[in-house]
Amino acid sequence: MTQKSKPKGKSKRGYKPDHHRRDRAIAAAGLIGAVAAGIGAALKFGWFDRYFPADDAEHAAPDLAADAPTPGTTRAPEAFRPDPTAPVPASERESLRPATGPGPTLAATRGEMANQTGAAN
């Protein structure tokens, strides 16, 4: 068998393919894909919602805003104010009477727990 003679000179190593452009293209495509996946996840989880306000069908109510001024001169129109001199009918007198019973408490009074009926007793 005869061997082929190797080329002499600087090109002893033979042909080496240049993958530099291909490697850069793969890295760029991976970077673009990672950025796109990150933006898609941020949109899905609502991380960008503050930058895109929703278009509501409701109108703005500046008088109900937290920083709205509350001067003492703004009162309800005269037609909507209650008349303090109006007579109270007898049917409504009991419902308007102030509560005079004992105030609510967190501690049970003596014997109250023993008097309760239920499945636990």
PDB file of N, CA and C in Angstrom:
ATOM      1  N   MET A   1       0.833  -1.167   0.000  1.00  0.00           N
ATOM      2  CA  MET A   1       0.000   0.000   0.000  1.00  0.00           C
ATOM      3  C   MET A   1       0.874   1.224   0.000  1.00  0.00           C
ATOM      4  N   THR A   2       0.375   2.138  -0.680  1.00  0.00           N
ATOM      5  CA  THR A   2       1.129   3.385  -0.757  1.00  0.00           C
ATOM      6  C   THR A   2       0.405   4.451   0.032  1.00  0.00           C
ATOM      7  N   GLN A   3       1.144   5.256   0.697  1.00  0.00           N
ATOM      8  CA  GLN A   3       0.559   6.354   1.450  1.00  0.00           C
ATOM      9  C   GLN A   3       0.576   7.603   0.603  1.00  0.00           C
ATOM     10  N   LYS A   4      -0.448   8.399   0.832  1.00  0.00           N
ATOM     11  CA  LYS A   4      -0.478   9.665   0.122  1.00  0.00           C
ATOM     12  C   LYS A   4       0.509  10.593   0.785  1.00  0.00           C
ATOM     13  N   SER A   5       1.113  11.361   0.001  1.00  0.00           N
ATOM     14  CA  SER A   5       2.089  12.294   0.558  1.00  0.00           C
ATOM     15  C   SER A   5       1.367  13.472   1.186  1.00  0.00           C
ATOM     16  N   LYS A   6       1.846  13.916   2.315  1.00  0.00           N
ATOM     17  CA  LYS A   6       1.251  15.034   3.013  1.00  0.00           C
ATOM     18  C   LYS A   6       1.750  16.317   2.388  1.00  0.00           C
ATOM     19  N   PRO A   7       0.882  17.313   2.329  1.00  0.00           N
ATOM     20  CA  PRO A   7       1.345  18.573   1.759  1.00  0.00           C
ATOM     21  C   PRO A   7       2.386  19.208   2.667  1.00  0.00           C
ATOM     22  N   LYS A   8       3.366  19.790   2.040  1.00  0.00           N
ATOM     23  CA  LYS A   8       4.447  20.408   2.793  1.00  0.00           C
ATOM     24  C   LYS A   8       4.229  21.904   2.851  1.00  0.00           C
ATOM     25  N   GLY A   9       4.700  22.494   3.905  1.00  0.00           N
ATOM     26  CA  GLY A   9       4.584  23.933   4.044  1.00  0.00           C
ATOM     27  C   GLY A   9       3.778  24.296   5.283  1.00  0.00           C
ATOM     28  N   LYS A  10       3.154  25.440   5.235  1.00  0.00           N
ATOM     29  CA  LYS A  10       2.438  25.955   6.402  1.00  0.00           C
ATOM     30  C   LYS A  10       1.114  25.238   6.657  1.00  0.00           C
ATOM     31  N   SER A  11       0.554  24.662   5.681  1.00  0.00           N
ATOM     32  CA  SER A  11      -0.764  24.044   5.843  1.00  0.00           C
ATOM     33  C   SER A  11      -0.653  22.569   6.166  1.00  0.00           C
ATOM     34  N   LYS A  12       0.165  22.219   7.108  1.00  0.00           N
ATOM     35  CA  LYS A  12       0.313  20.820   7.493  1.00  0.00           C
ATOM     36  C   LYS A  12      -0.911  20.313   8.263  1.00  0.00           C
ATOM     37  N   ARG A  13      -1.595  21.197   8.916  1.00  0.00           N
ATOM     38  CA  ARG A  13      -2.735  20.763   9.719  1.00  0.00           C
ATOM     39  C   ARG A  13      -3.954  20.468   8.859  1.00  0.00           C
ATOM     40  N   GLY A  14      -3.986  20.898   7.703  1.00  0.00           N
ATOM     41  CA  GLY A  14      -5.129  20.664   6.846  1.00  0.00           C
ATOM     42  C   GLY A  14      -6.156  21.776   6.993  1.00  0.00           C
ATOM     43  N   TYR A  15      -7.372  21.514   6.501  1.00  0.00           N
ATOM     44  CA  TYR A  15      -8.426  22.526   6.510  1.00  0.00           C
ATOM     45  C   TYR A  15      -9.121  22.527   7.866  1.00  0.00           C
ATOM     46  N   LYS A  16      -9.209  23.679   8.473  1.00  0.00           N
ATOM     47  CA  LYS A  16      -9.928  23.825   9.734  1.00  0.00           C
ATOM     48  C   LYS A  16     -11.106  24.753   9.476  1.00  0.00           C
ATOM     49  N   PRO A  17     -12.325  24.241   9.649  1.00  0.00           N
ATOM     50  CA  PRO A  17     -13.477  25.100   9.364  1.00  0.00           C
ATOM     51  C   PRO A  17     -13.558  26.252  10.372  1.00  0.00           C
ATOM     52  N   ASP A  18     -14.024  27.386   9.881  1.00  0.00           N
ATOM     53  CA  ASP A  18     -14.153  28.575  10.715  1.00  0.00           C
ATOM     54  C   ASP A  18     -15.597  28.653  11.224  1.00  0.00           C
ATOM     55  N   HIS A  19     -15.791  28.310  12.480  1.00  0.00           N
ATOM     56  CA  HIS A  19     -17.128  28.320  13.076  1.00  0.00           C
ATOM     57  C   HIS A  19     -17.393  29.596  13.865  1.00  0.00           C
ATOM     58  N   HIS A  20     -16.545  30.573  13.730  1.00  0.00           N
ATOM     59  CA  HIS A  20     -16.682  31.801  14.507  1.00  0.00           C
ATOM     60  C   HIS A  20     -18.003  32.509  14.198  1.00  0.00           C
ATOM     61  N   ARG A  21     -18.362  32.626  12.945  1.00  0.00           N
ATOM     62  CA  ARG A  21     -19.622  33.294  12.578  1.00  0.00           C
ATOM     63  C   ARG A  21     -20.822  32.485  13.044  1.00  0.00           C
ATOM     64  N   ARG A  22     -20.751  31.186  12.899  1.00  0.00           N
ATOM     65  CA  ARG A  22     -21.849  30.330  13.322  1.00  0.00           C
ATOM     66  C   ARG A  22     -22.032  30.391  14.836  1.00  0.00           C
ATOM     67  N   ASP A  23     -20.944  30.375  15.582  1.00  0.00           N
ATOM     68  CA  ASP A  23     -21.028  30.441  17.040  1.00  0.00           C
ATOM     69  C   ASP A  23     -21.627  31.767  17.500  1.00  0.00           C
ATOM     70  N   ARG A  24     -21.257  32.846  16.846  1.00  0.00           N
ATOM     71  CA  ARG A  24     -21.808  34.154  17.201  1.00  0.00           C
ATOM     72  C   ARG A  24     -23.300  34.217  16.873  1.00  0.00           C
ATOM     73  N   ALA A  25     -23.706  33.625  15.761  1.00  0.00           N
ATOM     74  CA  ALA A  25     -25.118  33.625  15.385  1.00  0.00           C
ATOM     75  C   ALA A  25     -25.940  32.806  16.379  1.00  0.00           C
ATOM     76  N   ILE A  26     -25.415  31.678  16.820  1.00  0.00           N
ATOM     77  CA  ILE A  26     -26.121  30.849  17.797  1.00  0.00           C
ATOM     78  C   ILE A  26     -26.237  31.582  19.128  1.00  0.00           C
ATOM     79  N   ALA A  27     -25.170  32.254  19.539  1.00  0.00           N
ATOM     80  CA  ALA A  27     -25.208  33.009  20.794  1.00  0.00           C
ATOM     81  C   ALA A  27     -26.198  34.166  20.702  1.00  0.00           C
ATOM     82  N   ALA A  28     -26.222  34.860  19.565  1.00  0.00           N
ATOM     83  CA  ALA A  28     -27.161  35.974  19.396  1.00  0.00           C
ATOM     84  C   ALA A  28     -28.601  35.466  19.395  1.00  0.00           C
ATOM     85  N   ALA A  29     -28.856  34.350  18.727  1.00  0.00           N
ATOM     86  CA  ALA A  29     -30.208  33.789  18.704  1.00  0.00           C
ATOM     87  C   ALA A  29     -30.635  33.346  20.108  1.00  0.00           C
ATOM     88  N   GLY A  30     -29.717  32.769  20.857  1.00  0.00           N
ATOM     89  CA  GLY A  30     -30.030  32.380  22.232  1.00  0.00           C
ATOM     90  C   GLY A  30     -30.325  33.576  23.112  1.00  0.00           C
ATOM     91  N   LEU A  31     -29.560  34.648  22.933  1.00  0.00           N
ATOM     92  CA  LEU A  31     -29.788  35.864  23.708  1.00  0.00           C
ATOM     93  C   LEU A  31     -31.138  36.488  23.369  1.00  0.00           C
ATOM     94  N   ILE A  32     -31.459  36.551  22.085  1.00  0.00           N
ATOM     95  CA  ILE A  32     -32.752  37.103  21.665  1.00  0.00           C
ATOM     96  C   ILE A  32     -33.897  36.242  22.203  1.00  0.00           C
ATOM     97  N   GLY A  33     -33.733  34.931  22.169  1.00  0.00           N
ATOM     98  CA  GLY A  33     -34.760  34.040  22.708  1.00  0.00           C
ATOM     99  C   GLY A  33     -34.943  34.203  24.209  1.00  0.00           C
ATOM    100  N   ALA A  34     -33.842  34.375  24.937  1.00  0.00           N
ATOM    101  CA  ALA A  34     -33.940  34.558  26.387  1.00  0.00           C
ATOM    102  C   ALA A  34     -34.621  35.878  26.726  1.00  0.00           C
ATOM    103  N   VAL A  35     -34.296  36.937  25.989  1.00  0.00           N
ATOM    104  CA  VAL A  35     -34.934  38.235  26.227  1.00  0.00           C
ATOM    105  C   VAL A  35     -36.424  38.150  25.904  1.00  0.00           C
ATOM    106  N   ALA A  36     -36.767  37.496  24.793  1.00  0.00           N
ATOM    107  CA  ALA A  36     -38.178  37.358  24.420  1.00  0.00           C
ATOM    108  C   ALA A  36     -38.938  36.534  25.464  1.00  0.00           C
ATOM    109  N   ALA A  37     -38.316  35.481  25.976  1.00  0.00           N
ATOM    110  CA  ALA A  37     -38.971  34.673  27.008  1.00  0.00           C
ATOM    111  C   ALA A  37     -39.159  35.478  28.291  1.00  0.00           C
ATOM    112  N   GLY A  38     -38.174  36.293  28.639  1.00  0.00           N
ATOM    113  CA  GLY A  38     -38.295  37.135  29.834  1.00  0.00           C
ATOM    114  C   GLY A  38     -39.400  38.163  29.699  1.00  0.00           C
ATOM    115  N   ILE A  39     -39.493  38.794  28.535  1.00  0.00           N
ATOM    116  CA  ILE A  39     -40.553  39.784  28.312  1.00  0.00           C
ATOM    117  C   ILE A  39     -41.920  39.101  28.306  1.00  0.00           C
ATOM    118  N   GLY A  40     -42.004  37.935  27.695  1.00  0.00           N
ATOM    119  CA  GLY A  40     -43.273  37.198  27.689  1.00  0.00           C
ATOM    120  C   GLY A  40     -43.708  36.798  29.093  1.00  0.00           C
ATOM    121  N   ALA A  41     -42.766  36.356  29.913  1.00  0.00           N
ATOM    122  CA  ALA A  41     -43.104  35.995  31.295  1.00  0.00           C
ATOM    123  C   ALA A  41     -43.528  37.223  32.086  1.00  0.00           C
ATOM    124  N   ALA A  42     -42.851  38.348  31.869  1.00  0.00           N
ATOM    125  CA  ALA A  42     -43.218  39.580  32.584  1.00  0.00           C
ATOM    126  C   ALA A  42     -44.613  40.037  32.184  1.00  0.00           C
ATOM    127  N   LEU A  43     -44.964  39.905  30.925  1.00  0.00           N
ATOM    128  CA  LEU A  43     -46.312  40.272  30.487  1.00  0.00           C
ATOM    129  C   LEU A  43     -47.349  39.318  31.069  1.00  0.00           C
ATOM    130  N   LYS A  44     -47.012  38.031  31.119  1.00  0.00           N
ATOM    131  CA  LYS A  44     -47.951  37.037  31.645  1.00  0.00           C
ATOM    132  C   LYS A  44     -48.219  37.257  33.128  1.00  0.00           C
ATOM    133  N   PHE A  45     -47.182  37.579  33.894  1.00  0.00           N
ATOM    134  CA  PHE A  45     -47.336  37.769  35.333  1.00  0.00           C
ATOM    135  C   PHE A  45     -47.770  39.179  35.700  1.00  0.00           C
ATOM    136  N   GLY A  46     -47.940  40.051  34.722  1.00  0.00           N
ATOM    137  CA  GLY A  46     -48.463  41.385  34.982  1.00  0.00           C
ATOM    138  C   GLY A  46     -47.456  42.363  35.547  1.00  0.00           C
ATOM    139  N   TRP A  47     -46.171  42.132  35.295  1.00  0.00           N
ATOM    140  CA  TRP A  47     -45.149  43.035  35.832  1.00  0.00           C
ATOM    141  C   TRP A  47     -45.109  44.364  35.090  1.00  0.00           C
ATOM    142  N   PHE A  48     -45.708  44.441  33.916  1.00  0.00           N
ATOM    143  CA  PHE A  48     -45.711  45.682  33.140  1.00  0.00           C
ATOM    144  C   PHE A  48     -47.072  46.373  33.183  1.00  0.00           C
ATOM    145  N   ASP A  49     -47.996  45.900  34.013  1.00  0.00           N
ATOM    146  CA  ASP A  49     -49.349  46.464  34.037  1.00  0.00           C
ATOM    147  C   ASP A  49     -49.368  47.923  34.460  1.00  0.00           C
ATOM    148  N   ARG A  50     -48.440  48.313  35.311  1.00  0.00           N
ATOM    149  CA  ARG A  50     -48.443  49.706  35.767  1.00  0.00           C
ATOM    150  C   ARG A  50     -48.079  50.663  34.637  1.00  0.00           C
ATOM    151  N   TYR A  51     -47.400  50.174  33.615  1.00  0.00           N
ATOM    152  CA  TYR A  51     -47.014  51.027  32.493  1.00  0.00           C
ATOM    153  C   TYR A  51     -48.100  51.119  31.427  1.00  0.00           C
ATOM    154  N   PHE A  52     -49.072  50.200  31.470  1.00  0.00           N
ATOM    155  CA  PHE A  52     -50.164  50.196  30.509  1.00  0.00           C
ATOM    156  C   PHE A  52     -51.483  50.284  31.270  1.00  0.00           C
ATOM    157  N   PRO A  53     -51.952  51.481  31.594  1.00  0.00           N
ATOM    158  CA  PRO A  53     -53.196  51.577  32.372  1.00  0.00           C
ATOM    159  C   PRO A  53     -54.386  51.071  31.569  1.00  0.00           C
ATOM    160  N   ALA A  54     -55.311  50.449  32.277  1.00  0.00           N
ATOM    161  CA  ALA A  54     -56.507  49.907  31.630  1.00  0.00           C
ATOM    162  C   ALA A  54     -57.461  51.041  31.276  1.00  0.00           C
ATOM    163  N   ASP A  55     -58.105  50.911  30.138  1.00  0.00           N
ATOM    164  CA  ASP A  55     -59.091  51.900  29.714  1.00  0.00           C
ATOM    165  C   ASP A  55     -60.444  51.498  30.289  1.00  0.00           C
ATOM    166  N   ASP A  56     -60.805  52.107  31.401  1.00  0.00           N
ATOM    167  CA  ASP A  56     -62.079  51.797  32.039  1.00  0.00           C
ATOM    168  C   ASP A  56     -63.194  52.613  31.409  1.00  0.00           C
ATOM    169  N   ALA A  57     -64.394  52.101  31.514  1.00  0.00           N
ATOM    170  CA  ALA A  57     -65.555  52.825  31.016  1.00  0.00           C
ATOM    171  C   ALA A  57     -66.048  53.826  32.047  1.00  0.00           C
ATOM    172  N   GLU A  58     -65.456  53.809  33.226  1.00  0.00           N
ATOM    173  CA  GLU A  58     -65.885  54.706  34.283  1.00  0.00           C
ATOM    174  C   GLU A  58     -65.194  56.056  34.141  1.00  0.00           C
ATOM    175  N   HIS A  59     -65.816  57.059  34.690  1.00  0.00           N
ATOM    176  CA  HIS A  59     -65.223  58.387  34.665  1.00  0.00           C
ATOM    177  C   HIS A  59     -64.437  58.616  35.952  1.00  0.00           C
ATOM    178  N   ALA A  60     -63.513  59.535  35.885  1.00  0.00           N
ATOM    179  CA  ALA A  60     -62.704  59.847  37.056  1.00  0.00           C
ATOM    180  C   ALA A  60     -63.540  60.607  38.079  1.00  0.00           C
ATOM    181  N   ALA A  61     -63.294  60.355  39.347  1.00  0.00           N
ATOM    182  CA  ALA A  61     -63.995  61.050  40.432  1.00  0.00           C
ATOM    183  C   ALA A  61     -62.962  61.802  41.265  1.00  0.00           C
ATOM    184  N   PRO A  62     -62.584  63.010  40.836  1.00  0.00           N
ATOM    185  CA  PRO A  62     -61.526  63.719  41.568  1.00  0.00           C
ATOM    186  C   PRO A  62     -61.930  64.118  42.976  1.00  0.00           C
ATOM    187  N   ASP A  63     -63.225  64.240  43.244  1.00  0.00           N
ATOM    188  CA  ASP A  63     -63.636  64.609  44.599  1.00  0.00           C
ATOM    189  C   ASP A  63     -63.476  63.451  45.581  1.00  0.00           C
ATOM    190  N   LEU A  64     -63.326  62.223  45.080  1.00  0.00           N
ATOM    191  CA  LEU A  64     -63.124  61.069  45.946  1.00  0.00           C
ATOM    192  C   LEU A  64     -61.664  60.659  46.050  1.00  0.00           C
ATOM    193  N   ALA A  65     -60.776  61.392  45.405  1.00  0.00           N
ATOM    194  CA  ALA A  65     -59.356  61.067  45.445  1.00  0.00           C
ATOM    195  C   ALA A  65     -58.816  61.263  46.855  1.00  0.00           C
ATOM    196  N   ALA A  66     -57.747  60.545  47.156  1.00  0.00           N
ATOM    197  CA  ALA A  66     -57.179  60.619  48.501  1.00  0.00           C
ATOM    198  C   ALA A  66     -56.601  61.995  48.799  1.00  0.00           C
ATOM    199  N   ASP A  67     -56.116  62.677  47.777  1.00  0.00           N
ATOM    200  CA  ASP A  67     -55.506  63.989  48.000  1.00  0.00           C
ATOM    201  C   ASP A  67     -56.454  65.135  47.664  1.00  0.00           C
ATOM    202  N   ALA A  68     -57.742  64.865  47.566  1.00  0.00           N
ATOM    203  CA  ALA A  68     -58.709  65.916  47.245  1.00  0.00           C
ATOM    204  C   ALA A  68     -58.881  66.846  48.446  1.00  0.00           C
ATOM    205  N   PRO A  69     -58.972  68.135  48.208  1.00  0.00           N
ATOM    206  CA  PRO A  69     -59.177  69.051  49.334  1.00  0.00           C
ATOM    207  C   PRO A  69     -60.584  68.885  49.910  1.00  0.00           C
ATOM    208  N   THR A  70     -60.706  69.070  51.204  1.00  0.00           N
ATOM    209  CA  THR A  70     -62.005  68.945  51.871  1.00  0.00           C
ATOM    210  C   THR A  70     -62.316  70.232  52.630  1.00  0.00           C
ATOM    211  N   PRO A  71     -62.683  71.268  51.925  1.00  0.00           N
ATOM    212  CA  PRO A  71     -63.011  72.506  52.639  1.00  0.00           C
ATOM    213  C   PRO A  71     -64.343  72.357  53.369  1.00  0.00           C
ATOM    214  N   GLY A  72     -64.522  73.138  54.413  1.00  0.00           N
ATOM    215  CA  GLY A  72     -65.745  73.059  55.208  1.00  0.00           C
ATOM    216  C   GLY A  72     -66.928  73.726  54.550  1.00  0.00           C
ATOM    217  N   THR A  73     -66.710  74.384  53.424  1.00  0.00           N
ATOM    218  CA  THR A  73     -67.815  75.087  52.773  1.00  0.00           C
ATOM    219  C   THR A  73     -68.600  74.196  51.829  1.00  0.00           C
ATOM    220  N   THR A  74     -68.065  73.061  51.450  1.00  0.00           N
ATOM    221  CA  THR A  74     -68.796  72.185  50.536  1.00  0.00           C
ATOM    222  C   THR A  74     -69.784  71.355  51.345  1.00  0.00           C
ATOM    223  N   ARG A  75     -71.021  71.617  51.174  1.00  0.00           N
ATOM    224  CA  ARG A  75     -72.086  70.901  51.870  1.00  0.00           C
ATOM    225  C   ARG A  75     -73.061  70.346  50.852  1.00  0.00           C
ATOM    226  N   ALA A  76     -73.879  69.449  51.301  1.00  0.00           N
ATOM    227  CA  ALA A  76     -74.896  68.877  50.426  1.00  0.00           C
ATOM    228  C   ALA A  76     -75.893  69.961  50.045  1.00  0.00           C
ATOM    229  N   PRO A  77     -76.515  69.813  48.877  1.00  0.00           N
ATOM    230  CA  PRO A  77     -77.544  70.788  48.496  1.00  0.00           C
ATOM    231  C   PRO A  77     -78.660  70.829  49.537  1.00  0.00           C
ATOM    232  N   GLU A  78     -79.336  71.927  49.585  1.00  0.00           N
ATOM    233  CA  GLU A  78     -80.387  72.144  50.594  1.00  0.00           C
ATOM    234  C   GLU A  78     -81.468  71.061  50.538  1.00  0.00           C
ATOM    235  N   ALA A  79     -81.764  70.557  49.355  1.00  0.00           N
ATOM    236  CA  ALA A  79     -82.819  69.547  49.216  1.00  0.00           C
ATOM    237  C   ALA A  79     -82.416  68.213  49.842  1.00  0.00           C
ATOM    238  N   PHE A  80     -81.115  67.961  50.000  1.00  0.00           N
ATOM    239  CA  PHE A  80     -80.662  66.678  50.528  1.00  0.00           C
ATOM    240  C   PHE A  80     -80.297  66.736  52.007  1.00  0.00           C
ATOM    241  N   ARG A  81     -80.342  67.886  52.618  1.00  0.00           N
ATOM    242  CA  ARG A  81     -80.011  68.006  54.038  1.00  0.00           C
ATOM    243  C   ARG A  81     -81.215  67.597  54.884  1.00  0.00           C
ATOM    244  N   PRO A  82     -80.990  66.874  55.983  1.00  0.00           N
ATOM    245  CA  PRO A  82     -82.128  66.517  56.842  1.00  0.00           C
ATOM    246  C   PRO A  82     -82.625  67.738  57.609  1.00  0.00           C
ATOM    247  N   ASP A  83     -83.890  67.733  57.871  1.00  0.00           N
ATOM    248  CA  ASP A  83     -84.502  68.833  58.615  1.00  0.00           C
ATOM    249  C   ASP A  83     -84.468  68.493  60.106  1.00  0.00           C
ATOM    250  N   PRO A  84     -83.654  69.199  60.905  1.00  0.00           N
ATOM    251  CA  PRO A  84     -83.566  68.847  62.326  1.00  0.00           C
ATOM    252  C   PRO A  84     -84.819  69.218  63.112  1.00  0.00           C
ATOM    253  N   THR A  85     -85.666  70.053  62.547  1.00  0.00           N
ATOM    254  CA  THR A  85     -86.884  70.455  63.270  1.00  0.00           C
ATOM    255  C   THR A  85     -88.089  69.607  62.902  1.00  0.00           C
ATOM    256  N   ALA A  86     -87.908  68.616  62.020  1.00  0.00           N
ATOM    257  CA  ALA A  86     -89.039  67.783  61.592  1.00  0.00           C
ATOM    258  C   ALA A  86     -89.494  66.901  62.747  1.00  0.00           C
ATOM    259  N   PRO A  87     -90.817  66.704  62.910  1.00  0.00           N
ATOM    260  CA  PRO A  87     -91.306  65.837  63.986  1.00  0.00           C
ATOM    261  C   PRO A  87     -91.019  64.371  63.658  1.00  0.00           C
ATOM    262  N   VAL A  88     -90.709  63.590  64.694  1.00  0.00           N
ATOM    263  CA  VAL A  88     -90.420  62.167  64.517  1.00  0.00           C
ATOM    264  C   VAL A  88     -91.706  61.393  64.740  1.00  0.00           C
ATOM    265  N   PRO A  89     -92.140  60.586  63.755  1.00  0.00           N
ATOM    266  CA  PRO A  89     -93.366  59.804  63.948  1.00  0.00           C
ATOM    267  C   PRO A  89     -93.174  58.752  65.045  1.00  0.00           C
ATOM    268  N   ALA A  90     -94.257  58.350  65.658  1.00  0.00           N
ATOM    269  CA  ALA A  90     -94.209  57.374  66.755  1.00  0.00           C
ATOM    270  C   ALA A  90     -93.679  56.027  66.286  1.00  0.00           C
ATOM    271  N   SER A  91     -93.909  55.667  65.023  1.00  0.00           N
ATOM    272  CA  SER A  91     -93.439  54.378  64.513  1.00  0.00           C
ATOM    273  C   SER A  91     -91.913  54.326  64.401  1.00  0.00           C
ATOM    274  N   GLU A  92     -91.263  55.480  64.266  1.00  0.00           N
ATOM    275  CA  GLU A  92     -89.803  55.510  64.128  1.00  0.00           C
ATOM    276  C   GLU A  92     -89.103  55.906  65.424  1.00  0.00           C
ATOM    277  N   ARG A  93     -89.860  56.279  66.425  1.00  0.00           N
ATOM    278  CA  ARG A  93     -89.258  56.775  67.660  1.00  0.00           C
ATOM    279  C   ARG A  93     -88.419  55.701  68.355  1.00  0.00           C
ATOM    280  N   GLU A  94     -88.891  54.453  68.379  1.00  0.00           N
ATOM    281  CA  GLU A  94     -88.150  53.380  69.051  1.00  0.00           C
ATOM    282  C   GLU A  94     -86.841  53.070  68.325  1.00  0.00           C
ATOM    283  N   SER A  95     -86.847  53.118  67.010  1.00  0.00           N
ATOM    284  CA  SER A  95     -85.623  52.805  66.270  1.00  0.00           C
ATOM    285  C   SER A  95     -84.582  53.909  66.384  1.00  0.00           C
ATOM    286  N   LEU A  96     -84.995  55.116  66.730  1.00  0.00           N
ATOM    287  CA  LEU A  96     -84.060  56.226  66.866  1.00  0.00           C
ATOM    288  C   LEU A  96     -83.590  56.427  68.300  1.00  0.00           C
ATOM    289  N   ARG A  97     -84.120  55.653  69.241  1.00  0.00           N
ATOM    290  CA  ARG A  97     -83.725  55.787  70.642  1.00  0.00           C
ATOM    291  C   ARG A  97     -82.291  55.269  70.809  1.00  0.00           C
ATOM    292  N   PRO A  98     -81.443  55.950  71.594  1.00  0.00           N
ATOM    293  CA  PRO A  98     -80.059  55.491  71.771  1.00  0.00           C
ATOM    294  C   PRO A  98     -80.003  54.184  72.549  1.00  0.00           C
ATOM    295  N   ALA A  99     -78.999  53.398  72.258  1.00  0.00           N
ATOM    296  CA  ALA A  99     -78.810  52.129  72.950  1.00  0.00           C
ATOM    297  C   ALA A  99     -78.297  52.407  74.353  1.00  0.00           C
ATOM    298  N   THR A 100     -78.957  51.836  75.362  1.00  0.00           N
ATOM    299  CA  THR A 100     -78.562  52.078  76.753  1.00  0.00           C
ATOM    300  C   THR A 100     -78.122  50.807  77.450  1.00  0.00           C
ATOM    301  N   GLY A 101     -77.980  49.709  76.737  1.00  0.00           N
ATOM    302  CA  GLY A 101     -77.570  48.444  77.340  1.00  0.00           C
ATOM    303  C   GLY A 101     -76.081  48.446  77.644  1.00  0.00           C
ATOM    304  N   PRO A 102     -75.592  47.342  78.189  1.00  0.00           N
ATOM    305  CA  PRO A 102     -74.162  47.261  78.503  1.00  0.00           C
ATOM    306  C   PRO A 102     -73.337  47.237  77.218  1.00  0.00           C
ATOM    307  N   GLY A 103     -72.152  47.781  77.303  1.00  0.00           N
ATOM    308  CA  GLY A 103     -71.265  47.815  76.147  1.00  0.00           C
ATOM    309  C   GLY A 103     -70.720  46.441  75.818  1.00  0.00           C
ATOM    310  N   PRO A 104     -70.311  46.238  74.610  1.00  0.00           N
ATOM    311  CA  PRO A 104     -69.760  44.933  74.238  1.00  0.00           C
ATOM    312  C   PRO A 104     -68.425  44.695  74.944  1.00  0.00           C
ATOM    313  N   THR A 105     -68.146  43.438  75.240  1.00  0.00           N
ATOM    314  CA  THR A 105     -66.911  43.080  75.919  1.00  0.00           C
ATOM    315  C   THR A 105     -66.392  41.765  75.364  1.00  0.00           C
ATOM    316  N   LEU A 106     -65.106  41.541  75.523  1.00  0.00           N
ATOM    317  CA  LEU A 106     -64.514  40.288  75.064  1.00  0.00           C
ATOM    318  C   LEU A 106     -64.554  39.212  76.149  1.00  0.00           C
ATOM    319  N   ALA A 107     -64.660  39.626  77.401  1.00  0.00           N
ATOM    320  CA  ALA A 107     -64.687  38.673  78.511  1.00  0.00           C
ATOM    321  C   ALA A 107     -66.127  38.257  78.790  1.00  0.00           C
ATOM    322  N   ALA A 108     -66.325  36.973  78.962  1.00  0.00           N
ATOM    323  CA  ALA A 108     -67.661  36.470  79.277  1.00  0.00           C
ATOM    324  C   ALA A 108     -67.981  36.760  80.736  1.00  0.00           C
ATOM    325  N   THR A 109     -69.234  37.062  81.008  1.00  0.00           N
ATOM    326  CA  THR A 109     -69.644  37.299  82.393  1.00  0.00           C
ATOM    327  C   THR A 109     -69.711  35.979  83.144  1.00  0.00           C
ATOM    328  N   ARG A 110     -69.768  36.057  84.461  1.00  0.00           N
ATOM    329  CA  ARG A 110     -69.722  34.856  85.288  1.00  0.00           C
ATOM    330  C   ARG A 110     -70.936  33.961  85.030  1.00  0.00           C
ATOM    331  N   GLY A 111     -70.662  32.701  84.739  1.00  0.00           N
ATOM    332  CA  GLY A 111     -71.719  31.738  84.516  1.00  0.00           C
ATOM    333  C   GLY A 111     -72.263  31.723  83.103  1.00  0.00           C
ATOM    334  N   GLU A 112     -71.798  32.594  82.260  1.00  0.00           N
ATOM    335  CA  GLU A 112     -72.350  32.661  80.904  1.00  0.00           C
ATOM    336  C   GLU A 112     -71.977  31.436  80.082  1.00  0.00           C
ATOM    337  N   MET A 113     -70.739  30.967  80.211  1.00  0.00           N
ATOM    338  CA  MET A 113     -70.307  29.809  79.435  1.00  0.00           C
ATOM    339  C   MET A 113     -71.037  28.541  79.884  1.00  0.00           C
ATOM    340  N   ALA A 114     -71.333  28.424  81.165  1.00  0.00           N
ATOM    341  CA  ALA A 114     -72.027  27.232  81.671  1.00  0.00           C
ATOM    342  C   ALA A 114     -73.475  27.201  81.212  1.00  0.00           C
ATOM    343  N   ASN A 115     -74.052  28.343  80.923  1.00  0.00           N
ATOM    344  CA  ASN A 115     -75.454  28.405  80.527  1.00  0.00           C
ATOM    345  C   ASN A 115     -75.655  28.216  79.028  1.00  0.00           C
ATOM    346  N   GLN A 116     -74.582  28.162  78.269  1.00  0.00           N
ATOM    347  CA  GLN A 116     -74.728  27.996  76.822  1.00  0.00           C
ATOM    348  C   GLN A 116     -75.146  26.574  76.513  1.00  0.00           C
ATOM    349  N   THR A 117     -75.980  26.453  75.499  1.00  0.00           N
ATOM    350  CA  THR A 117     -76.388  25.124  75.064  1.00  0.00           C
ATOM    351  C   THR A 117     -75.717  24.836  73.736  1.00  0.00           C
ATOM    352  N   GLY A 118     -75.351  23.619  73.536  1.00  0.00           N
ATOM    353  CA  GLY A 118     -74.723  23.243  72.281  1.00  0.00           C
ATOM    354  C   GLY A 118     -74.180  21.834  72.369  1.00  0.00           C
ATOM    355  N   ALA A 119     -73.546  21.388  71.315  1.00  0.00           N
ATOM    356  CA  ALA A 119     -73.041  20.025  71.245  1.00  0.00           C
ATOM    357  C   ALA A 119     -71.849  19.818  72.168  1.00  0.00           C
ATOM    358  N   ALA A 120     -71.102  20.890  72.476  1.00  0.00           N
ATOM    359  CA  ALA A 120     -69.913  20.745  73.300  1.00  0.00           C
ATOM    360  C   ALA A 120     -70.246  20.566  74.775  1.00  0.00           C
ATOM    361  N   ASN A 121     -71.438  20.950  75.221  1.00  0.00           N
ATOM    362  CA  ASN A 121     -71.780  20.875  76.650  1.00  0.00           C
ATOM    363  C   ASN A 121     -72.358  19.550  77.000  1.00  0.00           C
TER     364      ASN A 121
END
